[in-house]
PDB file of all heavy atoms in Angstrom:
ATOM      1  N   PHE A   1       0.819  -1.212   0.016  1.00  0.00           N
ATOM      2  CA  PHE A   1      -0.006  -0.020  -0.018  1.00  0.00           C
ATOM      3  C   PHE A   1       0.853   1.263  -0.011  1.00  0.00           C
ATOM      4  O   PHE A   1       0.602   2.231  -0.688  1.00  0.00           O
ATOM      5  CB  PHE A   1      -0.903  -0.007   1.216  1.00  0.00           C
ATOM      6  CG  PHE A   1      -1.759   1.280   1.362  1.00  0.00           C
ATOM      7  CD1 PHE A   1      -2.999   1.368   0.810  1.00  0.00           C
ATOM      8  CD2 PHE A   1      -1.215   2.308   2.141  1.00  0.00           C
ATOM      9  CE1 PHE A   1      -3.683   2.541   0.960  1.00  0.00           C
ATOM     10  CE2 PHE A   1      -1.936   3.482   2.276  1.00  0.00           C
ATOM     11  CZ  PHE A   1      -3.218   3.595   1.694  1.00  0.00           C
ATOM     12  N   LEU A   2       1.933   1.243   0.776  1.00  0.00           N
ATOM     13  CA  LEU A   2       2.805   2.396   0.880  1.00  0.00           C
ATOM     14  C   LEU A   2       3.541   2.660  -0.425  1.00  0.00           C
ATOM     15  O   LEU A   2       3.714   3.850  -0.812  1.00  0.00           O
ATOM     16  CB  LEU A   2       3.852   2.190   2.011  1.00  0.00           C
ATOM     17  CG  LEU A   2       3.236   2.167   3.369  1.00  0.00           C
ATOM     18  CD1 LEU A   2       4.345   1.815   4.449  1.00  0.00           C
ATOM     19  CD2 LEU A   2       2.586   3.492   3.786  1.00  0.00           C
ATOM     20  N   LEU A   3       3.939   1.662  -1.139  1.00  0.00           N
ATOM     21  CA  LEU A   3       4.545   1.806  -2.449  1.00  0.00           C
ATOM     22  C   LEU A   3       3.553   2.479  -3.458  1.00  0.00           C
ATOM     23  O   LEU A   3       3.873   3.345  -4.233  1.00  0.00           O
ATOM     24  CB  LEU A   3       5.041   0.482  -3.011  1.00  0.00           C
ATOM     25  CG  LEU A   3       6.218  -0.102  -2.287  1.00  0.00           C
ATOM     26  CD1 LEU A   3       6.394  -1.593  -2.629  1.00  0.00           C
ATOM     27  CD2 LEU A   3       7.556   0.651  -2.568  1.00  0.00           C
ATOM     28  N   ARG A   4       2.316   2.033  -3.339  1.00  0.00           N
ATOM     29  CA  ARG A   4       1.255   2.563  -4.232  1.00  0.00           C
ATOM     30  C   ARG A   4       0.904   4.024  -3.846  1.00  0.00           C
ATOM     31  O   ARG A   4       0.764   4.896  -4.678  1.00  0.00           O
ATOM     32  CB  ARG A   4       0.052   1.696  -4.172  1.00  0.00           C
ATOM     33  CG  ARG A   4      -1.049   2.028  -5.092  1.00  0.00           C
ATOM     34  CD  ARG A   4      -2.079   0.861  -5.298  1.00  0.00           C
ATOM     35  NE  ARG A   4      -2.663   0.460  -3.965  1.00  0.00           N
ATOM     36  CZ  ARG A   4      -2.340  -0.662  -3.398  1.00  0.00           C
ATOM     37  NH1 ARG A   4      -1.493  -1.528  -3.868  1.00  0.00           N
ATOM     38  NH2 ARG A   4      -2.980  -1.005  -2.233  1.00  0.00           N
ATOM     39  N   ARG A   5       0.782   4.240  -2.517  1.00  0.00           N
ATOM     40  CA  ARG A   5       0.428   5.591  -2.054  1.00  0.00           C
ATOM     41  C   ARG A   5       1.546   6.592  -2.460  1.00  0.00           C
ATOM     42  O   ARG A   5       1.252   7.734  -2.815  1.00  0.00           O
ATOM     43  CB  ARG A   5       0.359   5.570  -0.516  1.00  0.00           C
ATOM     44  CG  ARG A   5       0.154   6.972   0.096  1.00  0.00           C
ATOM     45  CD  ARG A   5       0.296   6.954   1.621  1.00  0.00           C
ATOM     46  NE  ARG A   5       0.283   8.328   2.090  1.00  0.00           N
ATOM     47  CZ  ARG A   5       1.364   9.098   2.197  1.00  0.00           C
ATOM     48  NH1 ARG A   5       2.529   8.656   1.777  1.00  0.00           N
ATOM     49  NH2 ARG A   5       1.226  10.313   2.672  1.00  0.00           N
ATOM     50  N   ASN A   6       2.763   6.148  -2.455  1.00  0.00           N
ATOM     51  CA  ASN A   6       3.869   7.027  -2.910  1.00  0.00           C
ATOM     52  C   ASN A   6       3.614   7.555  -4.285  1.00  0.00           C
ATOM     53  O   ASN A   6       3.818   8.731  -4.585  1.00  0.00           O
ATOM     54  CB  ASN A   6       5.193   6.281  -2.822  1.00  0.00           C
ATOM     55  CG  ASN A   6       6.398   7.036  -3.280  1.00  0.00           C
ATOM     56  OD1 ASN A   6       6.823   6.884  -4.434  1.00  0.00           O
ATOM     57  ND2 ASN A   6       6.936   7.884  -2.458  1.00  0.00           N
ATOM     58  N   ARG A   7       3.184   6.683  -5.228  1.00  0.00           N
ATOM     59  CA  ARG A   7       2.923   7.090  -6.575  1.00  0.00           C
ATOM     60  C   ARG A   7       1.670   7.972  -6.644  1.00  0.00           C
ATOM     61  O   ARG A   7       1.644   8.948  -7.380  1.00  0.00           O
ATOM     62  CB  ARG A   7       2.759   5.839  -7.479  1.00  0.00           C
ATOM     63  CG  ARG A   7       3.945   4.932  -7.594  1.00  0.00           C
ATOM     64  CD  ARG A   7       5.222   5.766  -7.938  1.00  0.00           C
ATOM     65  NE  ARG A   7       5.062   6.605  -9.086  1.00  0.00           N
ATOM     66  CZ  ARG A   7       5.721   7.731  -9.286  1.00  0.00           C
ATOM     67  NH1 ARG A   7       6.524   8.261  -8.339  1.00  0.00           N
ATOM     68  NH2 ARG A   7       5.523   8.443 -10.396  1.00  0.00           N
ATOM     69  N   ILE A   8       0.626   7.629  -5.904  1.00  0.00           N
ATOM     70  CA  ILE A   8      -0.608   8.367  -5.893  1.00  0.00           C
ATOM     71  C   ILE A   8      -0.347   9.837  -5.504  1.00  0.00           C
ATOM     72  O   ILE A   8      -0.813  10.770  -6.147  1.00  0.00           O
ATOM     73  CB  ILE A   8      -1.667   7.724  -4.957  1.00  0.00           C
ATOM     74  CG1 ILE A   8      -2.071   6.353  -5.445  1.00  0.00           C
ATOM     75  CG2 ILE A   8      -2.899   8.611  -4.798  1.00  0.00           C
ATOM     76  CD1 ILE A   8      -2.827   5.503  -4.413  1.00  0.00           C
ATOM     77  N   MET A   9       0.352   9.959  -4.420  1.00  0.00           N
ATOM     78  CA  MET A   9       0.579  11.337  -3.917  1.00  0.00           C
ATOM     79  C   MET A   9       1.492  12.131  -4.816  1.00  0.00           C
ATOM     80  O   MET A   9       1.295  13.378  -4.997  1.00  0.00           O
ATOM     81  CB  MET A   9       1.141  11.291  -2.509  1.00  0.00           C
ATOM     82  CG  MET A   9       0.105  10.754  -1.465  1.00  0.00           C
ATOM     83  SD  MET A   9      -1.448  11.653  -1.494  1.00  0.00           S
ATOM     84  CE  MET A   9      -2.473  10.562  -0.495  1.00  0.00           C
ATOM     85  N   LYS A  10       2.507  11.467  -5.371  1.00  0.00           N
ATOM     86  CA  LYS A  10       3.397  12.242  -6.259  1.00  0.00           C
ATOM     87  C   LYS A  10       2.624  12.722  -7.547  1.00  0.00           C
ATOM     88  O   LYS A  10       2.845  13.816  -8.009  1.00  0.00           O
ATOM     89  CB  LYS A  10       4.589  11.350  -6.636  1.00  0.00           C
ATOM     90  CG  LYS A  10       5.629  11.274  -5.599  1.00  0.00           C
ATOM     91  CD  LYS A  10       6.885  10.533  -6.065  1.00  0.00           C
ATOM     92  CE  LYS A  10       7.931  10.434  -4.957  1.00  0.00           C
ATOM     93  NZ  LYS A  10       8.421  11.801  -4.561  1.00  0.00           N
ATOM     94  N   VAL A  11       1.849  11.846  -8.111  1.00  0.00           N
ATOM     95  CA  VAL A  11       1.118  12.168  -9.323  1.00  0.00           C
ATOM     96  C   VAL A  11       0.034  13.224  -9.069  1.00  0.00           C
ATOM     97  O   VAL A  11      -0.090  14.212  -9.797  1.00  0.00           O
ATOM     98  CB  VAL A  11       0.513  10.900  -9.952  1.00  0.00           C
ATOM     99  CG1 VAL A  11      -0.513  11.264 -11.022  1.00  0.00           C
ATOM    100  CG2 VAL A  11       1.595   9.992 -10.533  1.00  0.00           C
ATOM    101  N   LEU A  12      -0.688  13.048  -7.965  1.00  0.00           N
ATOM    102  CA  LEU A  12      -1.793  14.019  -7.708  1.00  0.00           C
ATOM    103  C   LEU A  12      -1.226  15.335  -7.187  1.00  0.00           C
ATOM    104  O   LEU A  12      -1.945  16.329  -7.248  1.00  0.00           O
ATOM    105  CB  LEU A  12      -2.770  13.410  -6.745  1.00  0.00           C
ATOM    106  CG  LEU A  12      -3.779  12.512  -7.437  1.00  0.00           C
ATOM    107  CD1 LEU A  12      -4.545  11.645  -6.418  1.00  0.00           C
ATOM    108  CD2 LEU A  12      -4.841  13.266  -8.137  1.00  0.00           C
ATOM    109  N   SER A  13       0.000  15.421  -6.739  1.00  0.00           N
ATOM    110  CA  SER A  13       0.508  16.695  -6.275  1.00  0.00           C
ATOM    111  C   SER A  13       0.740  17.622  -7.493  1.00  0.00           C
ATOM    112  O   SER A  13       0.790  18.815  -7.250  1.00  0.00           O
ATOM    113  CB  SER A  13       1.870  16.425  -5.591  1.00  0.00           C
ATOM    114  OG  SER A  13       2.848  15.936  -6.501  1.00  0.00           O
ATOM    115  N   SER A  14       0.796  17.101  -8.682  1.00  0.00           N
ATOM    116  CA  SER A  14       0.928  17.918  -9.873  1.00  0.00           C
ATOM    117  C   SER A  14      -0.376  18.210 -10.606  1.00  0.00           C
ATOM    118  O   SER A  14      -0.407  18.828 -11.647  1.00  0.00           O
ATOM    119  CB  SER A  14       1.927  17.296 -10.862  1.00  0.00           C
ATOM    120  OG  SER A  14       1.455  16.074 -11.348  1.00  0.00           O
ATOM    121  N   CYS A  15      -1.467  17.695  -9.965  1.00  0.00           N
ATOM    122  CA  CYS A  15      -2.799  17.897 -10.572  1.00  0.00           C
ATOM    123  C   CYS A  15      -3.566  19.035  -9.864  1.00  0.00           C
ATOM    124  O   CYS A  15      -3.389  19.199  -8.649  1.00  0.00           O
ATOM    125  CB  CYS A  15      -3.624  16.604 -10.475  1.00  0.00           C
ATOM    126  SG  CYS A  15      -2.967  15.208 -11.364  1.00  0.00           S
ATOM    127  N   SER A  16      -4.266  19.787 -10.631  1.00  0.00           N
ATOM    128  CA  SER A  16      -5.074  20.860 -10.002  1.00  0.00           C
ATOM    129  C   SER A  16      -6.225  20.216  -9.218  1.00  0.00           C
ATOM    130  O   SER A  16      -6.690  19.136  -9.554  1.00  0.00           O
ATOM    131  CB  SER A  16      -5.626  21.801 -11.056  1.00  0.00           C
ATOM    132  OG  SER A  16      -6.385  21.084 -11.962  1.00  0.00           O
ATOM    133  N   SER A  17      -6.642  20.858  -8.102  1.00  0.00           N
ATOM    134  CA  SER A  17      -7.736  20.315  -7.260  1.00  0.00           C
ATOM    135  C   SER A  17      -9.011  20.308  -8.077  1.00  0.00           C
ATOM    136  O   SER A  17      -9.222  21.053  -9.012  1.00  0.00           O
ATOM    137  CB  SER A  17      -7.846  21.083  -5.955  1.00  0.00           C
ATOM    138  OG  SER A  17      -8.131  22.462  -6.284  1.00  0.00           O
ATOM    139  N   GLY A  18      -9.909  19.463  -7.680  1.00  0.00           N
ATOM    140  CA  GLY A  18     -11.268  19.429  -8.318  1.00  0.00           C
ATOM    141  C   GLY A  18     -12.118  18.397  -7.602  1.00  0.00           C
ATOM    142  O   GLY A  18     -11.729  17.888  -6.493  1.00  0.00           O
ATOM    143  N   ARG A  19     -13.246  18.091  -8.197  1.00  0.00           N
ATOM    144  CA  ARG A  19     -14.177  17.061  -7.629  1.00  0.00           C
ATOM    145  C   ARG A  19     -13.677  15.671  -7.940  1.00  0.00           C
ATOM    146  O   ARG A  19     -13.436  15.333  -9.074  1.00  0.00           O
ATOM    147  CB  ARG A  19     -15.602  17.285  -8.146  1.00  0.00           C
ATOM    148  CG  ARG A  19     -16.665  16.483  -7.423  1.00  0.00           C
ATOM    149  CD  ARG A  19     -18.023  16.882  -7.925  1.00  0.00           C
ATOM    150  NE  ARG A  19     -18.392  18.217  -7.561  1.00  0.00           N
ATOM    151  CZ  ARG A  19     -18.969  18.551  -6.414  1.00  0.00           C
ATOM    152  NH1 ARG A  19     -19.159  17.658  -5.507  1.00  0.00           N
ATOM    153  NH2 ARG A  19     -19.313  19.799  -6.177  1.00  0.00           N
ATOM    154  N   LEU A  20     -13.594  14.841  -6.900  1.00  0.00           N
ATOM    155  CA  LEU A  20     -12.910  13.568  -7.020  1.00  0.00           C
ATOM    156  C   LEU A  20     -13.780  12.476  -6.361  1.00  0.00           C
ATOM    157  O   LEU A  20     -14.285  12.627  -5.321  1.00  0.00           O
ATOM    158  CB  LEU A  20     -11.528  13.659  -6.309  1.00  0.00           C
ATOM    159  CG  LEU A  20     -10.615  12.462  -6.233  1.00  0.00           C
ATOM    160  CD1 LEU A  20      -9.133  12.935  -6.180  1.00  0.00           C
ATOM    161  CD2 LEU A  20     -10.905  11.595  -5.007  1.00  0.00           C
ATOM    162  N   LEU A  21     -13.775  11.319  -7.115  1.00  0.00           N
ATOM    163  CA  LEU A  21     -14.506  10.142  -6.609  1.00  0.00           C
ATOM    164  C   LEU A  21     -13.457   8.986  -6.519  1.00  0.00           C
ATOM    165  O   LEU A  21     -12.784   8.686  -7.470  1.00  0.00           O
ATOM    166  CB  LEU A  21     -15.615   9.739  -7.506  1.00  0.00           C
ATOM    167  CG  LEU A  21     -16.309   8.378  -7.204  1.00  0.00           C
ATOM    168  CD1 LEU A  21     -17.154   8.496  -5.930  1.00  0.00           C
ATOM    169  CD2 LEU A  21     -17.196   7.950  -8.408  1.00  0.00           C
ATOM    170  N   GLU A  22     -13.424   8.333  -5.330  1.00  0.00           N
ATOM    171  CA  GLU A  22     -12.577   7.094  -5.249  1.00  0.00           C
ATOM    172  C   GLU A  22     -13.543   5.902  -5.188  1.00  0.00           C
ATOM    173  O   GLU A  22     -14.425   5.838  -4.312  1.00  0.00           O
ATOM    174  CB  GLU A  22     -11.655   7.107  -4.048  1.00  0.00           C
ATOM    175  CG  GLU A  22     -10.790   5.849  -4.055  1.00  0.00           C
ATOM    176  CD  GLU A  22      -9.769   5.735  -2.921  1.00  0.00           C
ATOM    177  OE1 GLU A  22      -9.759   6.594  -2.064  1.00  0.00           O
ATOM    178  OE2 GLU A  22      -9.001   4.748  -2.965  1.00  0.00           O
ATOM    179  N   ILE A  23     -13.312   4.964  -6.032  1.00  0.00           N
ATOM    180  CA  ILE A  23     -14.071   3.703  -6.113  1.00  0.00           C
ATOM    181  C   ILE A  23     -13.359   2.643  -5.303  1.00  0.00           C
ATOM    182  O   ILE A  23     -12.146   2.426  -5.529  1.00  0.00           O
ATOM    183  CB  ILE A  23     -14.259   3.253  -7.576  1.00  0.00           C
ATOM    184  CG1 ILE A  23     -14.960   4.328  -8.384  1.00  0.00           C
ATOM    185  CG2 ILE A  23     -14.954   1.937  -7.671  1.00  0.00           C
ATOM    186  CD1 ILE A  23     -14.838   4.152  -9.900  1.00  0.00           C
ATOM    187  N   GLY A  24     -14.099   2.028  -4.354  1.00  0.00           N
ATOM    188  CA  GLY A  24     -13.410   1.033  -3.551  1.00  0.00           C
ATOM    189  C   GLY A  24     -12.378   1.608  -2.637  1.00  0.00           C
ATOM    190  O   GLY A  24     -11.206   1.254  -2.702  1.00  0.00           O
ATOM    191  N   CYS A  25     -12.800   2.541  -1.777  1.00  0.00           N
ATOM    192  CA  CYS A  25     -11.792   3.346  -1.042  1.00  0.00           C
ATOM    193  C   CYS A  25     -11.181   2.653   0.153  1.00  0.00           C
ATOM    194  O   CYS A  25     -10.294   3.128   0.814  1.00  0.00           O
ATOM    195  CB  CYS A  25     -12.421   4.634  -0.555  1.00  0.00           C
ATOM    196  SG  CYS A  25     -13.784   4.406   0.674  1.00  0.00           S
ATOM    197  N   GLY A  26     -11.672   1.414   0.480  1.00  0.00           N
ATOM    198  CA  GLY A  26     -11.132   0.684   1.622  1.00  0.00           C
ATOM    199  C   GLY A  26     -11.274   1.418   2.889  1.00  0.00           C
ATOM    200  O   GLY A  26     -12.391   1.908   3.204  1.00  0.00           O
ATOM    201  N   ALA A  27     -10.196   1.640   3.584  1.00  0.00           N
ATOM    202  CA  ALA A  27     -10.227   2.381   4.896  1.00  0.00           C
ATOM    203  C   ALA A  27     -10.395   3.885   4.693  1.00  0.00           C
ATOM    204  O   ALA A  27     -10.554   4.607   5.666  1.00  0.00           O
ATOM    205  CB  ALA A  27      -8.948   2.102   5.687  1.00  0.00           C
ATOM    206  N   GLY A  28     -10.310   4.363   3.438  1.00  0.00           N
ATOM    207  CA  GLY A  28     -10.576   5.743   3.204  1.00  0.00           C
ATOM    208  C   GLY A  28      -9.469   6.764   3.519  1.00  0.00           C
ATOM    209  O   GLY A  28      -9.646   7.941   3.593  1.00  0.00           O
ATOM    210  N   THR A  29      -8.234   6.237   3.719  1.00  0.00           N
ATOM    211  CA  THR A  29      -7.157   7.125   4.137  1.00  0.00           C
ATOM    212  C   THR A  29      -6.684   8.014   2.995  1.00  0.00           C
ATOM    213  O   THR A  29      -6.226   9.153   3.234  1.00  0.00           O
ATOM    214  CB  THR A  29      -5.953   6.331   4.673  1.00  0.00           C
ATOM    215  OG1 THR A  29      -5.523   5.390   3.696  1.00  0.00           O
ATOM    216  CG2 THR A  29      -6.367   5.550   5.915  1.00  0.00           C
ATOM    217  N   ILE A  30      -6.774   7.569   1.746  1.00  0.00           N
ATOM    218  CA  ILE A  30      -6.296   8.340   0.592  1.00  0.00           C
ATOM    219  C   ILE A  30      -7.221   9.542   0.442  1.00  0.00           C
ATOM    220  O   ILE A  30      -6.667  10.661   0.250  1.00  0.00           O
ATOM    221  CB  ILE A  30      -6.260   7.428  -0.696  1.00  0.00           C
ATOM    222  CG1 ILE A  30      -5.215   6.343  -0.588  1.00  0.00           C
ATOM    223  CG2 ILE A  30      -6.012   8.360  -1.918  1.00  0.00           C
ATOM    224  CD1 ILE A  30      -3.818   6.809  -0.486  1.00  0.00           C
ATOM    225  N   ILE A  31      -8.513   9.400   0.447  1.00  0.00           N
ATOM    226  CA  ILE A  31      -9.343  10.551   0.239  1.00  0.00           C
ATOM    227  C   ILE A  31      -9.276  11.483   1.416  1.00  0.00           C
ATOM    228  O   ILE A  31      -9.437  12.696   1.286  1.00  0.00           O
ATOM    229  CB  ILE A  31     -10.824  10.175  -0.045  1.00  0.00           C
ATOM    230  CG1 ILE A  31     -11.408   9.270   1.030  1.00  0.00           C
ATOM    231  CG2 ILE A  31     -10.940   9.552  -1.398  1.00  0.00           C
ATOM    232  CD1 ILE A  31     -12.930   9.067   0.886  1.00  0.00           C
TER     233      ILE A  31
END
């Protein structure tokens, strides 16, 4: 999970904010 989170946060750090939906959020820590 941490290896994946590392990529998620790096990629989204370069994206402008907006309305976001997570499908299958599990524990919900990413959102």
